[in-house]
Amino acid sequence: MTIKRIPLFPEFSEINCDFYKDIREVLLKEQPEISEHSLGFIYGYRKSLKLSISSLNNNLILKGCYNGYNLIVSPLGKEKLPETISLCVKYIKENLKTGRLGAIPKAIAMELKGLGFNPLPDRDDFDYIYNVKELINLSGEKFHAKKNLVNGFIKRYSFEFKPLDSILIPECLQLHQKWCNLKACTGNADSNAEDLMVMELLNNFSHWKLFGGVILIDGKVQAFTILEELNSTTAVGHAEKANTEYRGIYQAINQFAAEKLLSKYEFVNREQDVGEPGLRKAKLSYNPVGFAEKYYIEVTKT
């Protein structure tokens, strides 16, 4: 069987599993800081964002569509980035007419400003960065409410925390479907995209470099989390779902995962809030130590 290769820019191809090794190799060299530069994002959102892929200057270019506009994600890799981004902007103007070059890390955005580009901050897309030790210990006044909820969960329920494996995937899928029915995923573009992402990652969990954990209560999965190594010091959390009939379960799986799965890392990137007020409040309540700031360039044909 012939293995497909990632085409050279400006040709693009749908993302398939044949590309996994090449994508992973580029990410290992880059040691990225943003959640879009992860296997979980690339494969998880390949359907909902209609992502396709190309190779340029030994970098990888992702092209897709988000909320009705054309999107190119900042290049995956580290080679000749200003030149690569200039060619991507030119491609949007000549082939797509309008669009956005998004998820540009702050350091690269500042470099681009000196080259005549006008990258703008995208606060809704900033990734939240947390200190893993703080999430384990939940010490001090700023974590007092979280710790009380975790302690209350431990006292109230007979539970077990286990690493996520292929045997537990079917129950995680059932829990996710229950969660999605409650949230009416299909009626909201962001929720629908997240729904497809979670199913994609669960269904392919054993094939990609993902890890995670579950909480079982009375032998049934009532919460799960899906994680991935982003770089040598940071993991990224792609999904966290729980049955809120159990008080404190979200706080519990957050703390259990930090302690049991993330102790080798200094930080965990818990992705963006997409401008949703409730999600922003929840993420801020965990006291991030910083953000992976991202910028975008709006492109129109002149």
C-alpha atoms as a PDB file:
ATOM      1  CA  MET A   1       0.000   0.000   0.000  1.00  0.00           C
ATOM      2  CA  THR A   2       1.345   3.416  -0.991  1.00  0.00           C
ATOM      3  CA  ILE A   3       1.796   5.853   1.886  1.00  0.00           C
ATOM      4  CA  LYS A   4       0.577   9.344   1.058  1.00  0.00           C
ATOM      5  CA  ARG A   5       2.936  12.274   1.549  1.00  0.00           C
ATOM      6  CA  ILE A   6       2.121  15.831   2.581  1.00  0.00           C
ATOM      7  CA  PRO A   7       2.050  17.898  -0.644  1.00  0.00           C
ATOM      8  CA  LEU A   8       4.295  20.890  -1.240  1.00  0.00           C
ATOM      9  CA  PHE A   9       2.801  24.379  -0.994  1.00  0.00           C
ATOM     10  CA  PRO A  10       0.621  25.699  -2.603  1.00  0.00           C
ATOM     11  CA  GLU A  11      -0.985  22.271  -3.021  1.00  0.00           C
ATOM     12  CA  PHE A  12      -3.072  21.048  -0.075  1.00  0.00           C
ATOM     13  CA  SER A  13      -4.391  17.647   0.960  1.00  0.00           C
ATOM     14  CA  GLU A  14      -6.987  16.466   3.446  1.00  0.00           C
ATOM     15  CA  ILE A  15      -5.325  15.339   6.689  1.00  0.00           C
ATOM     16  CA  ASN A  16      -5.115  11.586   7.047  1.00  0.00           C
ATOM     17  CA  CYS A  17      -3.359   9.149   9.356  1.00  0.00           C
ATOM     18  CA  ASP A  18      -0.492   8.617   6.887  1.00  0.00           C
ATOM     19  CA  PHE A  19       0.713  12.112   7.836  1.00  0.00           C
ATOM     20  CA  TYR A  20       0.897  11.397  11.571  1.00  0.00           C
ATOM     21  CA  LYS A  21       4.626  10.609  11.713  1.00  0.00           C
ATOM     22  CA  ASP A  22       5.644  13.663   9.661  1.00  0.00           C
ATOM     23  CA  ILE A  23       3.412  16.007  11.681  1.00  0.00           C
ATOM     24  CA  ARG A  24       4.700  14.644  14.969  1.00  0.00           C
ATOM     25  CA  GLU A  25       8.302  15.050  13.824  1.00  0.00           C
ATOM     26  CA  VAL A  26       7.761  18.737  13.023  1.00  0.00           C
ATOM     27  CA  LEU A  27       6.036  19.341  16.378  1.00  0.00           C
ATOM     28  CA  LEU A  28       8.827  17.621  18.319  1.00  0.00           C
ATOM     29  CA  LYS A  29      11.365  19.956  16.706  1.00  0.00           C
ATOM     30  CA  GLU A  30       9.208  23.030  17.280  1.00  0.00           C
ATOM     31  CA  GLN A  31       8.344  22.335  20.937  1.00  0.00           C
ATOM     32  CA  PRO A  32       5.236  24.517  20.572  1.00  0.00           C
ATOM     33  CA  GLU A  33       3.536  26.656  23.179  1.00  0.00           C
ATOM     34  CA  ILE A  34       0.092  27.064  21.606  1.00  0.00           C
ATOM     35  CA  SER A  35      -2.693  24.490  21.580  1.00  0.00           C
ATOM     36  CA  GLU A  36      -3.287  24.711  17.809  1.00  0.00           C
ATOM     37  CA  HIS A  37       0.191  23.255  17.284  1.00  0.00           C
ATOM     38  CA  SER A  38      -0.742  19.856  18.675  1.00  0.00           C
ATOM     39  CA  LEU A  39      -1.844  16.531  17.262  1.00  0.00           C
ATOM     40  CA  GLY A  40      -5.057  16.774  19.247  1.00  0.00           C
ATOM     41  CA  PHE A  41      -6.024  20.014  17.530  1.00  0.00           C
ATOM     42  CA  ILE A  42      -4.909  18.951  14.048  1.00  0.00           C
ATOM     43  CA  TYR A  43      -6.668  15.599  14.056  1.00  0.00           C
ATOM     44  CA  GLY A  44      -9.452  16.559  16.424  1.00  0.00           C
ATOM     45  CA  TYR A  45     -10.644  19.532  14.376  1.00  0.00           C
ATOM     46  CA  ARG A  46      -9.729  18.275  10.899  1.00  0.00           C
ATOM     47  CA  LYS A  47     -13.406  17.599  10.074  1.00  0.00           C
ATOM     48  CA  SER A  48     -15.226  20.488  11.746  1.00  0.00           C
ATOM     49  CA  LEU A  49     -12.723  23.095  10.475  1.00  0.00           C
ATOM     50  CA  LYS A  50     -12.279  21.312   7.123  1.00  0.00           C
ATOM     51  CA  LEU A  51      -8.530  21.348   7.639  1.00  0.00           C
ATOM     52  CA  SER A  52      -6.104  20.531   4.859  1.00  0.00           C
ATOM     53  CA  ILE A  53      -2.314  20.502   4.994  1.00  0.00           C
ATOM     54  CA  SER A  54       0.704  21.531   2.953  1.00  0.00           C
ATOM     55  CA  SER A  55       4.491  21.707   3.406  1.00  0.00           C
ATOM     56  CA  LEU A  56       6.448  24.947   2.979  1.00  0.00           C
ATOM     57  CA  ASN A  57      10.086  25.616   3.988  1.00  0.00           C
ATOM     58  CA  ASN A  58      10.013  22.443   6.114  1.00  0.00           C
ATOM     59  CA  ASN A  59       7.021  23.877   7.991  1.00  0.00           C
ATOM     60  CA  LEU A  60       3.459  22.610   7.847  1.00  0.00           C
ATOM     61  CA  ILE A  61       0.577  24.861   6.790  1.00  0.00           C
ATOM     62  CA  LEU A  62      -3.009  24.195   7.890  1.00  0.00           C
ATOM     63  CA  LYS A  63      -5.842  25.696   5.859  1.00  0.00           C
ATOM     64  CA  GLY A  64      -9.467  25.590   6.931  1.00  0.00           C
ATOM     65  CA  CYS A  65     -12.694  27.460   7.536  1.00  0.00           C
ATOM     66  CA  TYR A  66     -13.944  28.887  10.856  1.00  0.00           C
ATOM     67  CA  ASN A  67     -17.228  30.719  11.423  1.00  0.00           C
ATOM     68  CA  GLY A  68     -17.609  31.289   7.707  1.00  0.00           C
ATOM     69  CA  TYR A  69     -14.187  32.804   6.991  1.00  0.00           C
ATOM     70  CA  ASN A  70     -11.071  31.312   5.443  1.00  0.00           C
ATOM     71  CA  LEU A  71      -8.339  30.489   7.910  1.00  0.00           C
ATOM     72  CA  ILE A  72      -4.677  29.590   7.733  1.00  0.00           C
ATOM     73  CA  VAL A  73      -3.131  28.604  11.061  1.00  0.00           C
ATOM     74  CA  SER A  74       0.315  29.989  11.858  1.00  0.00           C
ATOM     75  CA  PRO A  75       2.970  27.634  10.415  1.00  0.00           C
ATOM     76  CA  LEU A  76       3.904  24.535  12.392  1.00  0.00           C
ATOM     77  CA  GLY A  77       7.695  24.546  12.599  1.00  0.00           C
ATOM     78  CA  LYS A  78      10.557  27.007  13.026  1.00  0.00           C
ATOM     79  CA  GLU A  79      12.084  27.437   9.571  1.00  0.00           C
ATOM     80  CA  LYS A  80      12.072  30.815   7.750  1.00  0.00           C
ATOM     81  CA  LEU A  81       8.862  31.867   9.503  1.00  0.00           C
ATOM     82  CA  PRO A  82       8.613  35.489   8.246  1.00  0.00           C
ATOM     83  CA  GLU A  83       9.098  34.295   4.642  1.00  0.00           C
ATOM     84  CA  THR A  84       6.653  31.432   5.167  1.00  0.00           C
ATOM     85  CA  ILE A  85       3.998  33.724   6.644  1.00  0.00           C
ATOM     86  CA  SER A  86       4.464  36.239   3.805  1.00  0.00           C
ATOM     87  CA  LEU A  87       3.799  33.470   1.288  1.00  0.00           C
ATOM     88  CA  CYS A  88       0.696  32.395   3.247  1.00  0.00           C
ATOM     89  CA  VAL A  89      -0.652  35.968   3.209  1.00  0.00           C
ATOM     90  CA  LYS A  90       0.016  36.145  -0.541  1.00  0.00           C
ATOM     91  CA  TYR A  91      -1.804  32.821  -0.999  1.00  0.00           C
ATOM     92  CA  ILE A  92      -4.880  34.114   0.839  1.00  0.00           C
ATOM     93  CA  LYS A  93      -4.981  37.272  -1.304  1.00  0.00           C
ATOM     94  CA  GLU A  94      -4.528  35.476  -4.613  1.00  0.00           C
ATOM     95  CA  ASN A  95      -6.517  32.300  -4.023  1.00  0.00           C
ATOM     96  CA  LEU A  96      -9.004  32.914  -1.212  1.00  0.00           C
ATOM     97  CA  LYS A  97      -9.505  36.697  -1.721  1.00  0.00           C
ATOM     98  CA  THR A  98     -10.162  37.250   2.008  1.00  0.00           C
ATOM     99  CA  GLY A  99      -9.251  35.365   5.155  1.00  0.00           C
ATOM    100  CA  ARG A 100      -7.273  35.316   8.336  1.00  0.00           C
ATOM    101  CA  LEU A 101      -3.840  34.076   9.297  1.00  0.00           C
ATOM    102  CA  GLY A 102      -4.506  33.115  12.895  1.00  0.00           C
ATOM    103  CA  ALA A 103      -2.995  31.605  16.047  1.00  0.00           C
ATOM    104  CA  ILE A 104       0.270  33.496  15.607  1.00  0.00           C
ATOM    105  CA  PRO A 105       2.396  33.172  18.786  1.00  0.00           C
ATOM    106  CA  LYS A 106       3.257  36.515  20.367  1.00  0.00           C
ATOM    107  CA  ALA A 107       7.021  36.320  19.748  1.00  0.00           C
ATOM    108  CA  ILE A 108       6.473  35.745  16.030  1.00  0.00           C
ATOM    109  CA  ALA A 109       3.818  38.471  15.902  1.00  0.00           C
ATOM    110  CA  MET A 110       6.279  40.992  17.364  1.00  0.00           C
ATOM    111  CA  GLU A 111       8.842  39.987  14.734  1.00  0.00           C
ATOM    112  CA  LEU A 112       6.249  40.441  11.992  1.00  0.00           C
ATOM    113  CA  LYS A 113       5.415  43.956  13.220  1.00  0.00           C
ATOM    114  CA  GLY A 114       8.981  44.944  12.430  1.00  0.00           C
ATOM    115  CA  LEU A 115       8.515  43.663   8.900  1.00  0.00           C
ATOM    116  CA  GLY A 116       5.494  45.801   8.084  1.00  0.00           C
ATOM    117  CA  PHE A 117       2.676  43.456   9.086  1.00  0.00           C
ATOM    118  CA  ASN A 118      -0.061  44.483  11.496  1.00  0.00           C
ATOM    119  CA  PRO A 119      -0.843  41.439  13.684  1.00  0.00           C
ATOM    120  CA  LEU A 120      -3.627  42.063  16.217  1.00  0.00           C
ATOM    121  CA  PRO A 121      -4.109  40.324  19.574  1.00  0.00           C
ATOM    122  CA  ASP A 122      -6.888  37.730  19.681  1.00  0.00           C
ATOM    123  CA  ARG A 123      -7.873  37.639  23.382  1.00  0.00           C
ATOM    124  CA  ASP A 124     -10.590  35.053  22.797  1.00  0.00           C
ATOM    125  CA  ASP A 125      -7.900  32.683  21.485  1.00  0.00           C
ATOM    126  CA  PHE A 126      -5.334  33.152  24.287  1.00  0.00           C
ATOM    127  CA  ASP A 127      -4.436  29.800  25.878  1.00  0.00           C
ATOM    128  CA  TYR A 128      -4.582  29.677  29.690  1.00  0.00           C
ATOM    129  CA  ILE A 129      -1.374  28.432  31.341  1.00  0.00           C
ATOM    130  CA  TYR A 130      -1.419  26.942  34.847  1.00  0.00           C
ATOM    131  CA  ASN A 131       1.278  25.810  37.247  1.00  0.00           C
ATOM    132  CA  VAL A 132       0.836  22.065  37.806  1.00  0.00           C
ATOM    133  CA  LYS A 133       2.014  22.142  41.431  1.00  0.00           C
ATOM    134  CA  GLU A 134      -0.602  24.777  42.227  1.00  0.00           C
ATOM    135  CA  LEU A 135      -3.316  22.601  40.693  1.00  0.00           C
ATOM    136  CA  ILE A 136      -2.115  19.627  42.745  1.00  0.00           C
ATOM    137  CA  ASN A 137      -1.845  21.407  46.095  1.00  0.00           C
ATOM    138  CA  LEU A 138      -4.681  23.954  45.775  1.00  0.00           C
ATOM    139  CA  SER A 139      -3.017  25.917  48.558  1.00  0.00           C
ATOM    140  CA  GLY A 140      -3.934  29.339  49.867  1.00  0.00           C
ATOM    141  CA  GLU A 141      -6.954  31.573  49.792  1.00  0.00           C
ATOM    142  CA  LYS A 142      -7.099  31.812  46.001  1.00  0.00           C
ATOM    143  CA  PHE A 143      -7.780  28.055  45.753  1.00  0.00           C
ATOM    144  CA  HIS A 144      -9.835  27.727  48.951  1.00  0.00           C
ATOM    145  CA  ALA A 145     -13.194  27.167  47.220  1.00  0.00           C
ATOM    146  CA  LYS A 146     -11.708  24.640  44.777  1.00  0.00           C
ATOM    147  CA  LYS A 147     -10.076  22.645  47.568  1.00  0.00           C
ATOM    148  CA  ASN A 148     -13.320  22.547  49.551  1.00  0.00           C
ATOM    149  CA  LEU A 149     -15.150  21.149  46.523  1.00  0.00           C
ATOM    150  CA  VAL A 150     -12.494  18.471  45.977  1.00  0.00           C
ATOM    151  CA  ASN A 151     -12.496  17.492  49.658  1.00  0.00           C
ATOM    152  CA  GLY A 152     -16.287  17.378  49.661  1.00  0.00           C
ATOM    153  CA  PHE A 153     -16.263  15.128  46.589  1.00  0.00           C
ATOM    154  CA  ILE A 154     -13.782  12.755  48.227  1.00  0.00           C
ATOM    155  CA  LYS A 155     -15.902  12.496  51.378  1.00  0.00           C
ATOM    156  CA  ARG A 156     -19.241  12.244  49.619  1.00  0.00           C
ATOM    157  CA  TYR A 157     -18.645   9.589  46.941  1.00  0.00           C
ATOM    158  CA  SER A 158     -17.125   6.142  46.581  1.00  0.00           C
ATOM    159  CA  PHE A 159     -14.955   6.631  43.490  1.00  0.00           C
ATOM    160  CA  GLU A 160     -11.865   5.449  41.656  1.00  0.00           C
ATOM    161  CA  PHE A 161      -9.501   7.439  39.433  1.00  0.00           C
ATOM    162  CA  LYS A 162      -7.910   5.426  36.630  1.00  0.00           C
ATOM    163  CA  PRO A 163      -5.769   6.212  33.583  1.00  0.00           C
ATOM    164  CA  LEU A 164      -7.843   6.320  30.403  1.00  0.00           C
ATOM    165  CA  ASP A 165      -7.368   3.261  28.199  1.00  0.00           C
ATOM    166  CA  SER A 166      -9.090   1.544  25.274  1.00  0.00           C
ATOM    167  CA  ILE A 167     -11.350  -0.489  27.576  1.00  0.00           C
ATOM    168  CA  LEU A 168     -12.851   2.685  29.061  1.00  0.00           C
ATOM    169  CA  ILE A 169     -13.341   4.505  25.732  1.00  0.00           C
ATOM    170  CA  PRO A 170     -16.918   3.232  25.075  1.00  0.00           C
ATOM    171  CA  GLU A 171     -18.113   4.540  28.460  1.00  0.00           C
ATOM    172  CA  CYS A 172     -16.397   7.877  27.826  1.00  0.00           C
ATOM    173  CA  LEU A 173     -18.217   8.126  24.506  1.00  0.00           C
ATOM    174  CA  GLN A 174     -21.528   7.441  26.260  1.00  0.00           C
ATOM    175  CA  LEU A 175     -20.839  10.107  28.883  1.00  0.00           C
ATOM    176  CA  HIS A 176     -19.830  12.588  26.200  1.00  0.00           C
ATOM    177  CA  GLN A 177     -23.035  11.925  24.267  1.00  0.00           C
ATOM    178  CA  LYS A 178     -25.063  12.538  27.431  1.00  0.00           C
ATOM    179  CA  TRP A 179     -23.164  15.790  28.034  1.00  0.00           C
ATOM    180  CA  CYS A 180     -23.659  16.856  24.430  1.00  0.00           C
ATOM    181  CA  ASN A 181     -27.394  16.161  24.521  1.00  0.00           C
ATOM    182  CA  LEU A 182     -27.685  18.422  27.557  1.00  0.00           C
ATOM    183  CA  LYS A 183     -25.677  21.181  25.860  1.00  0.00           C
ATOM    184  CA  ALA A 184     -27.468  20.835  22.500  1.00  0.00           C
ATOM    185  CA  CYS A 185     -24.151  20.618  20.666  1.00  0.00           C
ATOM    186  CA  THR A 186     -25.617  20.534  17.174  1.00  0.00           C
ATOM    187  CA  GLY A 187     -27.303  23.906  17.676  1.00  0.00           C
ATOM    188  CA  ASN A 188     -24.048  25.777  18.318  1.00  0.00           C
ATOM    189  CA  ALA A 189     -21.084  25.890  15.941  1.00  0.00           C
ATOM    190  CA  ASP A 190     -18.408  25.920  18.670  1.00  0.00           C
ATOM    191  CA  SER A 191     -20.116  23.145  20.650  1.00  0.00           C
ATOM    192  CA  ASN A 192     -20.578  21.057  17.515  1.00  0.00           C
ATOM    193  CA  ALA A 193     -16.898  21.444  16.621  1.00  0.00           C
ATOM    194  CA  GLU A 194     -15.899  20.449  20.152  1.00  0.00           C
ATOM    195  CA  ASP A 195     -18.261  17.483  20.009  1.00  0.00           C
ATOM    196  CA  LEU A 196     -16.614  16.197  16.827  1.00  0.00           C
ATOM    197  CA  MET A 197     -13.161  16.820  18.308  1.00  0.00           C
ATOM    198  CA  VAL A 198     -13.868  14.806  21.456  1.00  0.00           C
ATOM    199  CA  MET A 199     -15.298  11.887  19.482  1.00  0.00           C
ATOM    200  CA  GLU A 200     -12.340  11.969  17.082  1.00  0.00           C
ATOM    201  CA  LEU A 201      -9.818  11.874  19.943  1.00  0.00           C
ATOM    202  CA  LEU A 202     -11.643   9.152  21.863  1.00  0.00           C
ATOM    203  CA  ASN A 203     -12.111   6.975  18.799  1.00  0.00           C
ATOM    204  CA  ASN A 204      -8.417   7.271  17.928  1.00  0.00           C
ATOM    205  CA  PHE A 205      -7.045   7.515  21.459  1.00  0.00           C
ATOM    206  CA  SER A 206      -4.722   4.513  21.203  1.00  0.00           C
ATOM    207  CA  HIS A 207      -3.308   5.574  17.805  1.00  0.00           C
ATOM    208  CA  TRP A 208      -2.032   9.002  18.809  1.00  0.00           C
ATOM    209  CA  LYS A 209       0.224  10.183  21.621  1.00  0.00           C
ATOM    210  CA  LEU A 210      -2.635  11.044  23.969  1.00  0.00           C
ATOM    211  CA  PHE A 211      -3.141  10.234  27.622  1.00  0.00           C
ATOM    212  CA  GLY A 212      -5.887  10.878  30.121  1.00  0.00           C
ATOM    213  CA  GLY A 213      -7.855   9.733  33.120  1.00  0.00           C
ATOM    214  CA  VAL A 214     -11.353   8.885  34.296  1.00  0.00           C
ATOM    215  CA  ILE A 215     -13.355   8.984  37.516  1.00  0.00           C
ATOM    216  CA  LEU A 216     -15.516   5.930  38.102  1.00  0.00           C
ATOM    217  CA  ILE A 217     -18.373   6.033  40.615  1.00  0.00           C
ATOM    218  CA  ASP A 218     -20.061   2.742  41.391  1.00  0.00           C
ATOM    219  CA  GLY A 219     -17.996   1.256  38.572  1.00  0.00           C
ATOM    220  CA  LYS A 220     -19.220   3.670  35.870  1.00  0.00           C
ATOM    221  CA  VAL A 221     -17.294   6.465  34.140  1.00  0.00           C
ATOM    222  CA  GLN A 222     -18.646   9.802  35.357  1.00  0.00           C
ATOM    223  CA  ALA A 223     -15.779  12.071  34.254  1.00  0.00           C
ATOM    224  CA  PHE A 224     -12.856  11.946  31.840  1.00  0.00           C
ATOM    225  CA  THR A 225     -10.000  14.127  30.643  1.00  0.00           C
ATOM    226  CA  ILE A 226      -7.873  13.917  27.481  1.00  0.00           C
ATOM    227  CA  LEU A 227      -4.329  15.309  27.506  1.00  0.00           C
ATOM    228  CA  GLU A 228      -1.237  15.481  25.312  1.00  0.00           C
ATOM    229  CA  GLU A 229       2.378  16.523  25.750  1.00  0.00           C
ATOM    230  CA  LEU A 230       2.812  19.929  24.110  1.00  0.00           C
ATOM    231  CA  ASN A 231       6.505  20.403  24.866  1.00  0.00           C
ATOM    232  CA  SER A 232       9.042  19.116  27.382  1.00  0.00           C
ATOM    233  CA  THR A 233       7.652  21.237  30.238  1.00  0.00           C
ATOM    234  CA  THR A 234       3.990  21.600  29.279  1.00  0.00           C
ATOM    235  CA  ALA A 235       1.013  19.341  28.645  1.00  0.00           C
ATOM    236  CA  VAL A 236      -2.170  20.500  26.934  1.00  0.00           C
ATOM    237  CA  GLY A 237      -5.688  19.584  28.020  1.00  0.00           C
ATOM    238  CA  HIS A 238      -7.931  18.979  25.020  1.00  0.00           C
ATOM    239  CA  ALA A 239     -11.136  17.905  26.736  1.00  0.00           C
ATOM    240  CA  GLU A 240     -12.670  17.463  30.170  1.00  0.00           C
ATOM    241  CA  LYS A 241     -16.229  16.196  30.588  1.00  0.00           C
ATOM    242  CA  ALA A 242     -18.138  15.194  33.704  1.00  0.00           C
ATOM    243  CA  ASN A 243     -21.557  14.311  35.040  1.00  0.00           C
ATOM    244  CA  THR A 244     -22.476  17.347  37.131  1.00  0.00           C
ATOM    245  CA  GLU A 245     -25.001  15.340  39.133  1.00  0.00           C
ATOM    246  CA  TYR A 246     -21.951  14.677  41.310  1.00  0.00           C
ATOM    247  CA  ARG A 247     -21.036  17.853  43.184  1.00  0.00           C
ATOM    248  CA  GLY A 248     -17.391  18.881  42.793  1.00  0.00           C
ATOM    249  CA  ILE A 249     -16.621  16.348  40.074  1.00  0.00           C
ATOM    250  CA  TYR A 250     -15.019  18.853  37.683  1.00  0.00           C
ATOM    251  CA  GLN A 251     -12.760  20.201  40.413  1.00  0.00           C
ATOM    252  CA  ALA A 252     -11.962  16.626  41.418  1.00  0.00           C
ATOM    253  CA  ILE A 253     -10.890  15.375  38.008  1.00  0.00           C
ATOM    254  CA  ASN A 254      -8.838  18.532  37.513  1.00  0.00           C
ATOM    255  CA  GLN A 255      -6.936  17.925  40.757  1.00  0.00           C
ATOM    256  CA  PHE A 256      -6.652  14.135  40.331  1.00  0.00           C
ATOM    257  CA  ALA A 257      -5.311  14.501  36.786  1.00  0.00           C
ATOM    258  CA  ALA A 258      -2.766  17.102  37.888  1.00  0.00           C
ATOM    259  CA  GLU A 259      -1.525  14.842  40.677  1.00  0.00           C
ATOM    260  CA  LYS A 260      -1.636  11.478  38.908  1.00  0.00           C
ATOM    261  CA  LEU A 261      -0.890  12.383  35.286  1.00  0.00           C
ATOM    262  CA  LEU A 262       0.822  15.771  35.105  1.00  0.00           C
ATOM    263  CA  SER A 263       3.393  15.764  37.914  1.00  0.00           C
ATOM    264  CA  LYS A 264       6.288  15.397  35.410  1.00  0.00           C
ATOM    265  CA  TYR A 265       5.321  18.728  33.799  1.00  0.00           C
ATOM    266  CA  GLU A 266       5.750  22.257  35.140  1.00  0.00           C
ATOM    267  CA  PHE A 267       2.746  23.687  33.320  1.00  0.00           C
ATOM    268  CA  VAL A 268      -0.524  22.677  31.714  1.00  0.00           C
ATOM    269  CA  ASN A 269      -2.085  24.602  28.842  1.00  0.00           C
ATOM    270  CA  ARG A 270      -5.889  24.425  29.165  1.00  0.00           C
ATOM    271  CA  GLU A 271      -6.596  26.127  25.849  1.00  0.00           C
ATOM    272  CA  GLN A 272      -8.770  29.159  25.128  1.00  0.00           C
ATOM    273  CA  ASP A 273     -12.168  30.436  26.228  1.00  0.00           C
ATOM    274  CA  VAL A 274     -13.361  31.393  22.673  1.00  0.00           C
ATOM    275  CA  GLY A 275     -14.880  34.529  24.198  1.00  0.00           C
ATOM    276  CA  GLU A 276     -17.578  32.643  26.089  1.00  0.00           C
ATOM    277  CA  PRO A 277     -18.163  34.535  29.373  1.00  0.00           C
ATOM    278  CA  GLY A 278     -18.916  31.499  31.519  1.00  0.00           C
ATOM    279  CA  LEU A 279     -15.882  29.624  30.268  1.00  0.00           C
ATOM    280  CA  ARG A 280     -13.665  32.673  30.754  1.00  0.00           C
ATOM    281  CA  LYS A 281     -14.857  33.019  34.347  1.00  0.00           C
ATOM    282  CA  ALA A 282     -14.212  29.335  35.023  1.00  0.00           C
ATOM    283  CA  LYS A 283     -10.713  29.423  33.549  1.00  0.00           C
ATOM    284  CA  LEU A 284      -9.767  32.618  35.403  1.00  0.00           C
ATOM    285  CA  SER A 285     -11.022  31.092  38.658  1.00  0.00           C
ATOM    286  CA  TYR A 286      -8.136  28.607  38.510  1.00  0.00           C
ATOM    287  CA  ASN A 287      -5.606  31.464  38.652  1.00  0.00           C
ATOM    288  CA  PRO A 288      -3.543  31.071  35.472  1.00  0.00           C
ATOM    289  CA  VAL A 289       0.118  31.998  35.787  1.00  0.00           C
ATOM    290  CA  GLY A 290       0.075  33.380  32.266  1.00  0.00           C
ATOM    291  CA  PHE A 291      -1.262  33.095  28.745  1.00  0.00           C
ATOM    292  CA  ALA A 292       0.031  31.775  25.457  1.00  0.00           C
ATOM    293  CA  GLU A 293      -0.931  34.954  23.634  1.00  0.00           C
ATOM    294  CA  LYS A 294      -1.955  34.644  20.004  1.00  0.00           C
ATOM    295  CA  TYR A 295      -2.379  37.191  17.229  1.00  0.00           C
ATOM    296  CA  TYR A 296      -3.979  37.260  13.805  1.00  0.00           C
ATOM    297  CA  ILE A 297      -3.535  39.053  10.487  1.00  0.00           C
ATOM    298  CA  GLU A 298      -6.688  39.986   8.592  1.00  0.00           C
ATOM    299  CA  VAL A 299      -6.120  39.621   4.878  1.00  0.00           C
ATOM    300  CA  THR A 300      -8.165  41.180   2.078  1.00  0.00           C
ATOM    301  CA  LYS A 301      -7.425  41.445  -1.619  1.00  0.00           C
ATOM    302  CA  THR A 302      -6.321  44.986  -2.486  1.00  0.00           C
END
